[in-house]
Amino acid sequence: MCYWPEFAGRALDQWAYLNGVELDFSRPGEPTDNAYIEAFNGRLRAECLNTSWFLSMADARDRIEHWRREYNDERPHSALGGLTPRAYADQAHLARNLA
């Protein structure tokens, strides 16, 4: 694990280049550049990360995966008309196939 940001930045840049990923960063102090991800990050932190005491990396992975599944498969979202993200995606996929 790298503890110096300049080395982490280089490693990320090299990984992105080798994997054909274009990096695009939000401007400092401008969380509104991507309000959806900022809202999601806040929800993940408030509902999962801040409420859990992780005993190991495996425990963290398990708890975060459990939260992710609940978030996507069980919990309705008002922005999606009361559907879960999974149901919304399934509905969109069906509509595309019918069109």
PDB file of N, CA and C in Angstrom:
ATOM      1  N   MET A   1       0.847  -1.183   0.000  1.00  0.00           N
ATOM      2  CA  MET A   1       0.000   0.000   0.000  1.00  0.00           C
ATOM      3  C   MET A   1       0.885   1.235   0.000  1.00  0.00           C
ATOM      4  N   CYS A   2       0.497   2.227  -0.761  1.00  0.00           N
ATOM      5  CA  CYS A   2       1.282   3.439  -0.908  1.00  0.00           C
ATOM      6  C   CYS A   2       0.714   4.531  -0.006  1.00  0.00           C
ATOM      7  N   TYR A   3       1.568   5.186   0.772  1.00  0.00           N
ATOM      8  CA  TYR A   3       1.109   6.210   1.700  1.00  0.00           C
ATOM      9  C   TYR A   3       1.410   7.620   1.229  1.00  0.00           C
ATOM     10  N   TRP A   4       2.111   7.779   0.132  1.00  0.00           N
ATOM     11  CA  TRP A   4       2.435   9.097  -0.370  1.00  0.00           C
ATOM     12  C   TRP A   4       1.561   9.407  -1.569  1.00  0.00           C
ATOM     13  N   PRO A   5       0.807  10.509  -1.514  1.00  0.00           N
ATOM     14  CA  PRO A   5      -0.153  10.799  -2.573  1.00  0.00           C
ATOM     15  C   PRO A   5       0.470  10.889  -3.960  1.00  0.00           C
ATOM     16  N   GLU A   6       1.706  11.409  -4.040  1.00  0.00           N
ATOM     17  CA  GLU A   6       2.313  11.529  -5.368  1.00  0.00           C
ATOM     18  C   GLU A   6       2.584  10.160  -5.987  1.00  0.00           C
ATOM     19  N   PHE A   7       2.896   9.162  -5.161  1.00  0.00           N
ATOM     20  CA  PHE A   7       3.107   7.810  -5.680  1.00  0.00           C
ATOM     21  C   PHE A   7       1.777   7.135  -5.995  1.00  0.00           C
ATOM     22  N   ALA A   8       0.785   7.359  -5.149  1.00  0.00           N
ATOM     23  CA  ALA A   8      -0.542   6.802  -5.407  1.00  0.00           C
ATOM     24  C   ALA A   8      -1.098   7.389  -6.699  1.00  0.00           C
ATOM     25  N   GLY A   9      -0.882   8.679  -6.907  1.00  0.00           N
ATOM     26  CA  GLY A   9      -1.339   9.325  -8.135  1.00  0.00           C
ATOM     27  C   GLY A   9      -0.677   8.732  -9.363  1.00  0.00           C
ATOM     28  N   ARG A  10       0.613   8.481  -9.269  1.00  0.00           N
ATOM     29  CA  ARG A  10       1.329   7.866 -10.391  1.00  0.00           C
ATOM     30  C   ARG A  10       0.834   6.451 -10.648  1.00  0.00           C
ATOM     31  N   ALA A  11       0.615   5.698  -9.579  1.00  0.00           N
ATOM     32  CA  ALA A  11       0.131   4.323  -9.734  1.00  0.00           C
ATOM     33  C   ALA A  11      -1.263   4.319 -10.359  1.00  0.00           C
ATOM     34  N   LEU A  12      -2.123   5.219  -9.914  1.00  0.00           N
ATOM     35  CA  LEU A  12      -3.463   5.321 -10.488  1.00  0.00           C
ATOM     36  C   LEU A  12      -3.384   5.718 -11.952  1.00  0.00           C
ATOM     37  N   ASP A  13      -2.542   6.678 -12.270  1.00  0.00           N
ATOM     38  CA  ASP A  13      -2.385   7.130 -13.650  1.00  0.00           C
ATOM     39  C   ASP A  13      -1.888   5.997 -14.541  1.00  0.00           C
ATOM     40  N   GLN A  14      -0.911   5.251 -14.053  1.00  0.00           N
ATOM     41  CA  GLN A  14      -0.381   4.130 -14.836  1.00  0.00           C
ATOM     42  C   GLN A  14      -1.446   3.046 -15.018  1.00  0.00           C
ATOM     43  N   TRP A  15      -2.174   2.716 -13.952  1.00  0.00           N
ATOM     44  CA  TRP A  15      -3.232   1.711 -14.051  1.00  0.00           C
ATOM     45  C   TRP A  15      -4.277   2.153 -15.069  1.00  0.00           C
ATOM     46  N   ALA A  16      -4.695   3.420 -14.993  1.00  0.00           N
ATOM     47  CA  ALA A  16      -5.709   3.930 -15.914  1.00  0.00           C
ATOM     48  C   ALA A  16      -5.215   3.842 -17.355  1.00  0.00           C
ATOM     49  N   TYR A  17      -3.985   4.227 -17.588  1.00  0.00           N
ATOM     50  CA  TYR A  17      -3.427   4.171 -18.940  1.00  0.00           C
ATOM     51  C   TYR A  17      -3.413   2.735 -19.460  1.00  0.00           C
ATOM     52  N   LEU A  18      -2.929   1.805 -18.641  1.00  0.00           N
ATOM     53  CA  LEU A  18      -2.819   0.406 -19.061  1.00  0.00           C
ATOM     54  C   LEU A  18      -4.182  -0.251 -19.275  1.00  0.00           C
ATOM     55  N   ASN A  19      -5.208   0.270 -18.621  1.00  0.00           N
ATOM     56  CA  ASN A  19      -6.543  -0.314 -18.736  1.00  0.00           C
ATOM     57  C   ASN A  19      -7.487   0.508 -19.609  1.00  0.00           C
ATOM     58  N   GLY A  20      -6.953   1.514 -20.282  1.00  0.00           N
ATOM     59  CA  GLY A  20      -7.768   2.315 -21.192  1.00  0.00           C
ATOM     60  C   GLY A  20      -8.830   3.147 -20.496  1.00  0.00           C
ATOM     61  N   VAL A  21      -8.540   3.566 -19.271  1.00  0.00           N
ATOM     62  CA  VAL A  21      -9.495   4.360 -18.498  1.00  0.00           C
ATOM     63  C   VAL A  21      -9.077   5.821 -18.542  1.00  0.00           C
ATOM     64  N   GLU A  22     -10.016   6.694 -18.880  1.00  0.00           N
ATOM     65  CA  GLU A  22      -9.743   8.128 -18.875  1.00  0.00           C
ATOM     66  C   GLU A  22     -10.180   8.692 -17.529  1.00  0.00           C
ATOM     67  N   LEU A  23      -9.243   9.290 -16.808  1.00  0.00           N
ATOM     68  CA  LEU A  23      -9.551   9.864 -15.508  1.00  0.00           C
ATOM     69  C   LEU A  23     -10.087  11.278 -15.690  1.00  0.00           C
ATOM     70  N   ASP A  24     -11.143  11.598 -14.959  1.00  0.00           N
ATOM     71  CA  ASP A  24     -11.723  12.928 -14.993  1.00  0.00           C
ATOM     72  C   ASP A  24     -12.093  13.275 -13.565  1.00  0.00           C
ATOM     73  N   PHE A  25     -11.474  14.288 -13.028  1.00  0.00           N
ATOM     74  CA  PHE A  25     -11.653  14.630 -11.623  1.00  0.00           C
ATOM     75  C   PHE A  25     -12.603  15.801 -11.467  1.00  0.00           C
ATOM     76  N   SER A  26     -13.356  15.799 -10.374  1.00  0.00           N
ATOM     77  CA  SER A  26     -14.181  16.952 -10.028  1.00  0.00           C
ATOM     78  C   SER A  26     -13.259  18.087  -9.616  1.00  0.00           C
ATOM     79  N   ARG A  27     -13.722  19.282  -9.837  1.00  0.00           N
ATOM     80  CA  ARG A  27     -12.945  20.446  -9.425  1.00  0.00           C
ATOM     81  C   ARG A  27     -12.939  20.535  -7.900  1.00  0.00           C
ATOM     82  N   PRO A  28     -11.827  20.896  -7.285  1.00  0.00           N
ATOM     83  CA  PRO A  28     -11.786  21.027  -5.825  1.00  0.00           C
ATOM     84  C   PRO A  28     -12.854  21.997  -5.328  1.00  0.00           C
ATOM     85  N   GLY A  29     -13.564  21.595  -4.303  1.00  0.00           N
ATOM     86  CA  GLY A  29     -14.589  22.445  -3.723  1.00  0.00           C
ATOM     87  C   GLY A  29     -15.867  22.535  -4.536  1.00  0.00           C
ATOM     88  N   GLU A  30     -16.044  21.653  -5.515  1.00  0.00           N
ATOM     89  CA  GLU A  30     -17.235  21.673  -6.369  1.00  0.00           C
ATOM     90  C   GLU A  30     -17.944  20.315  -6.354  1.00  0.00           C
ATOM     91  N   PRO A  31     -18.509  19.921  -5.214  1.00  0.00           N
ATOM     92  CA  PRO A  31     -19.178  18.620  -5.160  1.00  0.00           C
ATOM     93  C   PRO A  31     -20.402  18.549  -6.072  1.00  0.00           C
ATOM     94  N   THR A  32     -20.893  19.705  -6.522  1.00  0.00           N
ATOM     95  CA  THR A  32     -22.058  19.694  -7.403  1.00  0.00           C
ATOM     96  C   THR A  32     -21.707  19.260  -8.814  1.00  0.00           C
ATOM     97  N   ASP A  33     -20.418  19.066  -9.105  1.00  0.00           N
ATOM     98  CA  ASP A  33     -20.034  18.556 -10.424  1.00  0.00           C
ATOM     99  C   ASP A  33     -20.692  17.205 -10.683  1.00  0.00           C
ATOM    100  N   ASN A  34     -20.899  16.424  -9.637  1.00  0.00           N
ATOM    101  CA  ASN A  34     -21.579  15.146  -9.776  1.00  0.00           C
ATOM    102  C   ASN A  34     -22.425  14.920  -8.524  1.00  0.00           C
ATOM    103  N   ALA A  35     -23.577  15.557  -8.501  1.00  0.00           N
ATOM    104  CA  ALA A  35     -24.427  15.513  -7.316  1.00  0.00           C
ATOM    105  C   ALA A  35     -24.915  14.105  -7.000  1.00  0.00           C
ATOM    106  N   TYR A  36     -25.126  13.274  -8.036  1.00  0.00           N
ATOM    107  CA  TYR A  36     -25.613  11.910  -7.791  1.00  0.00           C
ATOM    108  C   TYR A  36     -24.600  11.099  -6.989  1.00  0.00           C
ATOM    109  N   ILE A  37     -23.346  11.150  -7.391  1.00  0.00           N
ATOM    110  CA  ILE A  37     -22.344  10.358  -6.666  1.00  0.00           C
ATOM    111  C   ILE A  37     -22.082  10.941  -5.284  1.00  0.00           C
ATOM    112  N   GLU A  38     -22.161  12.259  -5.157  1.00  0.00           N
ATOM    113  CA  GLU A  38     -21.984  12.868  -3.842  1.00  0.00           C
ATOM    114  C   GLU A  38     -23.107  12.431  -2.905  1.00  0.00           C
ATOM    115  N   ALA A  39     -24.336  12.382  -3.402  1.00  0.00           N
ATOM    116  CA  ALA A  39     -25.462  11.935  -2.583  1.00  0.00           C
ATOM    117  C   ALA A  39     -25.291  10.464  -2.208  1.00  0.00           C
ATOM    118  N   PHE A  40     -24.874   9.642  -3.181  1.00  0.00           N
ATOM    119  CA  PHE A  40     -24.649   8.229  -2.899  1.00  0.00           C
ATOM    120  C   PHE A  40     -23.543   8.052  -1.866  1.00  0.00           C
ATOM    121  N   ASN A  41     -22.425   8.766  -2.042  1.00  0.00           N
ATOM    122  CA  ASN A  41     -21.315   8.649  -1.092  1.00  0.00           C
ATOM    123  C   ASN A  41     -21.755   9.015   0.316  1.00  0.00           C
ATOM    124  N   GLY A  42     -22.558  10.071   0.436  1.00  0.00           N
ATOM    125  CA  GLY A  42     -23.063  10.472   1.745  1.00  0.00           C
ATOM    126  C   GLY A  42     -23.956   9.408   2.363  1.00  0.00           C
ATOM    127  N   ARG A  43     -24.807   8.808   1.533  1.00  0.00           N
ATOM    128  CA  ARG A  43     -25.704   7.751   2.009  1.00  0.00           C
ATOM    129  C   ARG A  43     -24.900   6.525   2.447  1.00  0.00           C
ATOM    130  N   LEU A  44     -23.929   6.112   1.629  1.00  0.00           N
ATOM    131  CA  LEU A  44     -23.091   4.959   1.981  1.00  0.00           C
ATOM    132  C   LEU A  44     -22.360   5.213   3.294  1.00  0.00           C
ATOM    133  N   ARG A  45     -21.804   6.403   3.430  1.00  0.00           N
ATOM    134  CA  ARG A  45     -21.070   6.717   4.657  1.00  0.00           C
ATOM    135  C   ARG A  45     -22.005   6.725   5.867  1.00  0.00           C
ATOM    136  N   ALA A  46     -23.148   7.399   5.755  1.00  0.00           N
ATOM    137  CA  ALA A  46     -24.058   7.526   6.895  1.00  0.00           C
ATOM    138  C   ALA A  46     -24.709   6.201   7.277  1.00  0.00           C
ATOM    139  N   GLU A  47     -25.086   5.405   6.290  1.00  0.00           N
ATOM    140  CA  GLU A  47     -25.863   4.194   6.566  1.00  0.00           C
ATOM    141  C   GLU A  47     -25.023   2.942   6.761  1.00  0.00           C
ATOM    142  N   CYS A  48     -23.787   2.957   6.290  1.00  0.00           N
ATOM    143  CA  CYS A  48     -22.987   1.737   6.359  1.00  0.00           C
ATOM    144  C   CYS A  48     -21.639   1.965   7.053  1.00  0.00           C
ATOM    145  N   LEU A  49     -20.844   2.846   6.493  1.00  0.00           N
ATOM    146  CA  LEU A  49     -19.475   2.985   6.992  1.00  0.00           C
ATOM    147  C   LEU A  49     -19.416   3.547   8.406  1.00  0.00           C
ATOM    148  N   ASN A  50     -20.224   4.577   8.696  1.00  0.00           N
ATOM    149  CA  ASN A  50     -20.180   5.191  10.025  1.00  0.00           C
ATOM    150  C   ASN A  50     -20.899   4.376  11.088  1.00  0.00           C
ATOM    151  N   THR A  51     -21.696   3.402  10.675  1.00  0.00           N
ATOM    152  CA  THR A  51     -22.459   2.621  11.651  1.00  0.00           C
ATOM    153  C   THR A  51     -21.837   1.254  11.921  1.00  0.00           C
ATOM    154  N   SER A  52     -20.718   0.978  11.296  1.00  0.00           N
ATOM    155  CA  SER A  52     -20.103  -0.353  11.417  1.00  0.00           C
ATOM    156  C   SER A  52     -18.696  -0.249  11.985  1.00  0.00           C
ATOM    157  N   TRP A  53     -18.350  -1.255  12.743  1.00  0.00           N
ATOM    158  CA  TRP A  53     -16.997  -1.421  13.245  1.00  0.00           C
ATOM    159  C   TRP A  53     -16.469  -2.670  12.562  1.00  0.00           C
ATOM    160  N   PHE A  54     -15.621  -2.487  11.576  1.00  0.00           N
ATOM    161  CA  PHE A  54     -15.153  -3.610  10.775  1.00  0.00           C
ATOM    162  C   PHE A  54     -14.027  -4.344  11.498  1.00  0.00           C
ATOM    163  N   LEU A  55     -14.169  -5.656  11.577  1.00  0.00           N
ATOM    164  CA  LEU A  55     -13.190  -6.472  12.289  1.00  0.00           C
ATOM    165  C   LEU A  55     -12.038  -6.905  11.402  1.00  0.00           C
ATOM    166  N   SER A  56     -12.263  -6.898  10.088  1.00  0.00           N
ATOM    167  CA  SER A  56     -11.233  -7.298   9.131  1.00  0.00           C
ATOM    168  C   SER A  56     -11.659  -6.806   7.751  1.00  0.00           C
ATOM    169  N   MET A  57     -10.783  -6.941   6.778  1.00  0.00           N
ATOM    170  CA  MET A  57     -11.150  -6.581   5.411  1.00  0.00           C
ATOM    171  C   MET A  57     -12.287  -7.473   4.917  1.00  0.00           C
ATOM    172  N   ALA A  58     -12.244  -8.738   5.266  1.00  0.00           N
ATOM    173  CA  ALA A  58     -13.312  -9.659   4.846  1.00  0.00           C
ATOM    174  C   ALA A  58     -14.648  -9.231   5.453  1.00  0.00           C
ATOM    175  N   ASP A  59     -14.628  -8.841   6.716  1.00  0.00           N
ATOM    176  CA  ASP A  59     -15.840  -8.363   7.377  1.00  0.00           C
ATOM    177  C   ASP A  59     -16.347  -7.096   6.695  1.00  0.00           C
ATOM    178  N   ALA A  60     -15.451  -6.181   6.367  1.00  0.00           N
ATOM    179  CA  ALA A  60     -15.845  -4.942   5.673  1.00  0.00           C
ATOM    180  C   ALA A  60     -16.472  -5.269   4.324  1.00  0.00           C
ATOM    181  N   ARG A  61     -15.856  -6.161   3.575  1.00  0.00           N
ATOM    182  CA  ARG A  61     -16.410  -6.537   2.273  1.00  0.00           C
ATOM    183  C   ARG A  61     -17.809  -7.134   2.421  1.00  0.00           C
ATOM    184  N   ASP A  62     -17.986  -8.001   3.400  1.00  0.00           N
ATOM    185  CA  ASP A  62     -19.284  -8.640   3.625  1.00  0.00           C
ATOM    186  C   ASP A  62     -20.365  -7.619   3.987  1.00  0.00           C
ATOM    187  N   ARG A  63     -20.043  -6.732   4.913  1.00  0.00           N
ATOM    188  CA  ARG A  63     -21.036  -5.750   5.360  1.00  0.00           C
ATOM    189  C   ARG A  63     -21.383  -4.755   4.254  1.00  0.00           C
ATOM    190  N   ILE A  64     -20.382  -4.319   3.505  1.00  0.00           N
ATOM    191  CA  ILE A  64     -20.635  -3.378   2.406  1.00  0.00           C
ATOM    192  C   ILE A  64     -21.431  -4.062   1.304  1.00  0.00           C
ATOM    193  N   GLU A  65     -21.124  -5.311   1.015  1.00  0.00           N
ATOM    194  CA  GLU A  65     -21.881  -6.053   0.009  1.00  0.00           C
ATOM    195  C   GLU A  65     -23.331  -6.232   0.449  1.00  0.00           C
ATOM    196  N   HIS A  66     -23.555  -6.529   1.715  1.00  0.00           N
ATOM    197  CA  HIS A  66     -24.919  -6.656   2.238  1.00  0.00           C
ATOM    198  C   HIS A  66     -25.667  -5.338   2.070  1.00  0.00           C
ATOM    199  N   TRP A  67     -25.010  -4.228   2.407  1.00  0.00           N
ATOM    200  CA  TRP A  67     -25.645  -2.916   2.248  1.00  0.00           C
ATOM    201  C   TRP A  67     -25.939  -2.645   0.779  1.00  0.00           C
ATOM    202  N   ARG A  68     -25.009  -2.951  -0.113  1.00  0.00           N
ATOM    203  CA  ARG A  68     -25.186  -2.721  -1.553  1.00  0.00           C
ATOM    204  C   ARG A  68     -26.387  -3.499  -2.079  1.00  0.00           C
ATOM    205  N   ARG A  69     -26.501  -4.750  -1.671  1.00  0.00           N
ATOM    206  CA  ARG A  69     -27.634  -5.562  -2.143  1.00  0.00           C
ATOM    207  C   ARG A  69     -28.963  -5.013  -1.637  1.00  0.00           C
ATOM    208  N   GLU A  70     -29.006  -4.623  -0.376  1.00  0.00           N
ATOM    209  CA  GLU A  70     -30.226  -4.029   0.161  1.00  0.00           C
ATOM    210  C   GLU A  70     -30.555  -2.741  -0.588  1.00  0.00           C
ATOM    211  N   TYR A  71     -29.556  -1.898  -0.811  1.00  0.00           N
ATOM    212  CA  TYR A  71     -29.749  -0.616  -1.497  1.00  0.00           C
ATOM    213  C   TYR A  71     -30.282  -0.823  -2.912  1.00  0.00           C
ATOM    214  N   ASN A  72     -29.736  -1.795  -3.633  1.00  0.00           N
ATOM    215  CA  ASN A  72     -30.120  -1.993  -5.035  1.00  0.00           C
ATOM    216  C   ASN A  72     -31.322  -2.904  -5.240  1.00  0.00           C
ATOM    217  N   ASP A  73     -31.521  -3.864  -4.366  1.00  0.00           N
ATOM    218  CA  ASP A  73     -32.531  -4.901  -4.617  1.00  0.00           C
ATOM    219  C   ASP A  73     -33.772  -4.823  -3.740  1.00  0.00           C
ATOM    220  N   GLU A  74     -33.687  -4.178  -2.593  1.00  0.00           N
ATOM    221  CA  GLU A  74     -34.802  -4.221  -1.652  1.00  0.00           C
ATOM    222  C   GLU A  74     -35.419  -2.861  -1.349  1.00  0.00           C
ATOM    223  N   ARG A  75     -34.637  -1.814  -1.437  1.00  0.00           N
ATOM    224  CA  ARG A  75     -35.097  -0.513  -0.967  1.00  0.00           C
ATOM    225  C   ARG A  75     -35.624   0.351  -2.107  1.00  0.00           C
ATOM    226  N   PRO A  76     -36.885   0.760  -2.054  1.00  0.00           N
ATOM    227  CA  PRO A  76     -37.415   1.625  -3.112  1.00  0.00           C
ATOM    228  C   PRO A  76     -36.794   3.019  -3.037  1.00  0.00           C
ATOM    229  N   HIS A  77     -36.658   3.648  -4.197  1.00  0.00           N
ATOM    230  CA  HIS A  77     -36.078   4.981  -4.284  1.00  0.00           C
ATOM    231  C   HIS A  77     -37.114   5.934  -4.866  1.00  0.00           C
ATOM    232  N   SER A  78     -37.332   7.051  -4.207  1.00  0.00           N
ATOM    233  CA  SER A  78     -38.339   8.004  -4.678  1.00  0.00           C
ATOM    234  C   SER A  78     -37.971   8.569  -6.045  1.00  0.00           C
ATOM    235  N   ALA A  79     -36.689   8.731  -6.325  1.00  0.00           N
ATOM    236  CA  ALA A  79     -36.266   9.264  -7.625  1.00  0.00           C
ATOM    237  C   ALA A  79     -36.568   8.285  -8.765  1.00  0.00           C
ATOM    238  N   LEU A  80     -36.841   7.032  -8.431  1.00  0.00           N
ATOM    239  CA  LEU A  80     -37.144   6.018  -9.443  1.00  0.00           C
ATOM    240  C   LEU A  80     -38.624   5.640  -9.420  1.00  0.00           C
ATOM    241  N   GLY A  81     -39.433   6.526  -8.907  1.00  0.00           N
ATOM    242  CA  GLY A  81     -40.876   6.268  -8.869  1.00  0.00           C
ATOM    243  C   GLY A  81     -41.264   5.177  -7.893  1.00  0.00           C
ATOM    244  N   GLY A  82     -40.495   5.024  -6.826  1.00  0.00           N
ATOM    245  CA  GLY A  82     -40.799   4.010  -5.825  1.00  0.00           C
ATOM    246  C   GLY A  82     -40.275   2.629  -6.154  1.00  0.00           C
ATOM    247  N   LEU A  83     -39.511   2.511  -7.232  1.00  0.00           N
ATOM    248  CA  LEU A  83     -38.922   1.218  -7.595  1.00  0.00           C
ATOM    249  C   LEU A  83     -37.540   1.079  -6.978  1.00  0.00           C
ATOM    250  N   THR A  84     -37.102  -0.163  -6.851  1.00  0.00           N
ATOM    251  CA  THR A  84     -35.714  -0.383  -6.469  1.00  0.00           C
ATOM    252  C   THR A  84     -34.853  -0.161  -7.718  1.00  0.00           C
ATOM    253  N   PRO A  85     -33.567   0.139  -7.566  1.00  0.00           N
ATOM    254  CA  PRO A  85     -32.717   0.283  -8.750  1.00  0.00           C
ATOM    255  C   PRO A  85     -32.738  -0.961  -9.640  1.00  0.00           C
ATOM    256  N   ARG A  86     -32.796  -2.144  -9.048  1.00  0.00           N
ATOM    257  CA  ARG A  86     -32.836  -3.380  -9.836  1.00  0.00           C
ATOM    258  C   ARG A  86     -34.127  -3.451 -10.655  1.00  0.00           C
ATOM    259  N   ALA A  87     -35.262  -3.160 -10.021  1.00  0.00           N
ATOM    260  CA  ALA A  87     -36.540  -3.193 -10.733  1.00  0.00           C
ATOM    261  C   ALA A  87     -36.579  -2.134 -11.826  1.00  0.00           C
ATOM    262  N   TYR A  88     -36.022  -0.963 -11.549  1.00  0.00           N
ATOM    263  CA  TYR A  88     -35.982   0.103 -12.550  1.00  0.00           C
ATOM    264  C   TYR A  88     -35.139  -0.311 -13.754  1.00  0.00           C
ATOM    265  N   ALA A  89     -33.979  -0.906 -13.492  1.00  0.00           N
ATOM    266  CA  ALA A  89     -33.115  -1.369 -14.585  1.00  0.00           C
ATOM    267  C   ALA A  89     -33.799  -2.472 -15.381  1.00  0.00           C
ATOM    268  N   ASP A  90     -34.464  -3.393 -14.698  1.00  0.00           N
ATOM    269  CA  ASP A  90     -35.181  -4.469 -15.396  1.00  0.00           C
ATOM    270  C   ASP A  90     -36.288  -3.901 -16.275  1.00  0.00           C
ATOM    271  N   GLN A  91     -37.004  -2.905 -15.752  1.00  0.00           N
ATOM    272  CA  GLN A  91     -38.079  -2.278 -16.509  1.00  0.00           C
ATOM    273  C   GLN A  91     -37.521  -1.565 -17.741  1.00  0.00           C
ATOM    274  N   ALA A  92     -36.407  -0.870 -17.591  1.00  0.00           N
ATOM    275  CA  ALA A  92     -35.784  -0.175 -18.717  1.00  0.00           C
ATOM    276  C   ALA A  92     -35.286  -1.168 -19.761  1.00  0.00           C
ATOM    277  N   HIS A  93     -34.727  -2.285 -19.304  1.00  0.00           N
ATOM    278  CA  HIS A  93     -34.231  -3.317 -20.218  1.00  0.00           C
ATOM    279  C   HIS A  93     -35.396  -3.920 -21.020  1.00  0.00           C
ATOM    280  N   LEU A  94     -36.486  -4.188 -20.341  1.00  0.00           N
ATOM    281  CA  LEU A  94     -37.676  -4.742 -21.001  1.00  0.00           C
ATOM    282  C   LEU A  94     -38.217  -3.743 -22.033  1.00  0.00           C
ATOM    283  N   ALA A  95     -38.276  -2.471 -21.678  1.00  0.00           N
ATOM    284  CA  ALA A  95     -38.772  -1.439 -22.590  1.00  0.00           C
ATOM    285  C   ALA A  95     -37.878  -1.345 -23.836  1.00  0.00           C
ATOM    286  N   ARG A  96     -36.573  -1.441 -23.655  1.00  0.00           N
ATOM    287  CA  ARG A  96     -35.652  -1.393 -24.793  1.00  0.00           C
ATOM    288  C   ARG A  96     -35.852  -2.595 -25.712  1.00  0.00           C
ATOM    289  N   ASN A  97     -36.083  -3.754 -25.121  1.00  0.00           N
ATOM    290  CA  ASN A  97     -36.295  -4.965 -25.926  1.00  0.00           C
ATOM    291  C   ASN A  97     -37.602  -4.913 -26.701  1.00  0.00           C
ATOM    292  N   LEU A  98     -38.614  -4.288 -26.132  1.00  0.00           N
ATOM    293  CA  LEU A  98     -39.907  -4.177 -26.807  1.00  0.00           C
ATOM    294  C   LEU A  98     -39.885  -3.124 -27.918  1.00  0.00           C
ATOM    295  N   ALA A  99     -39.012  -2.147 -27.766  1.00  0.00           N
ATOM    296  CA  ALA A  99     -38.971  -1.041 -28.758  1.00  0.00           C
ATOM    297  C   ALA A  99     -38.285  -1.403 -30.036  1.00  0.00           C
TER     298      ALA A  99
END
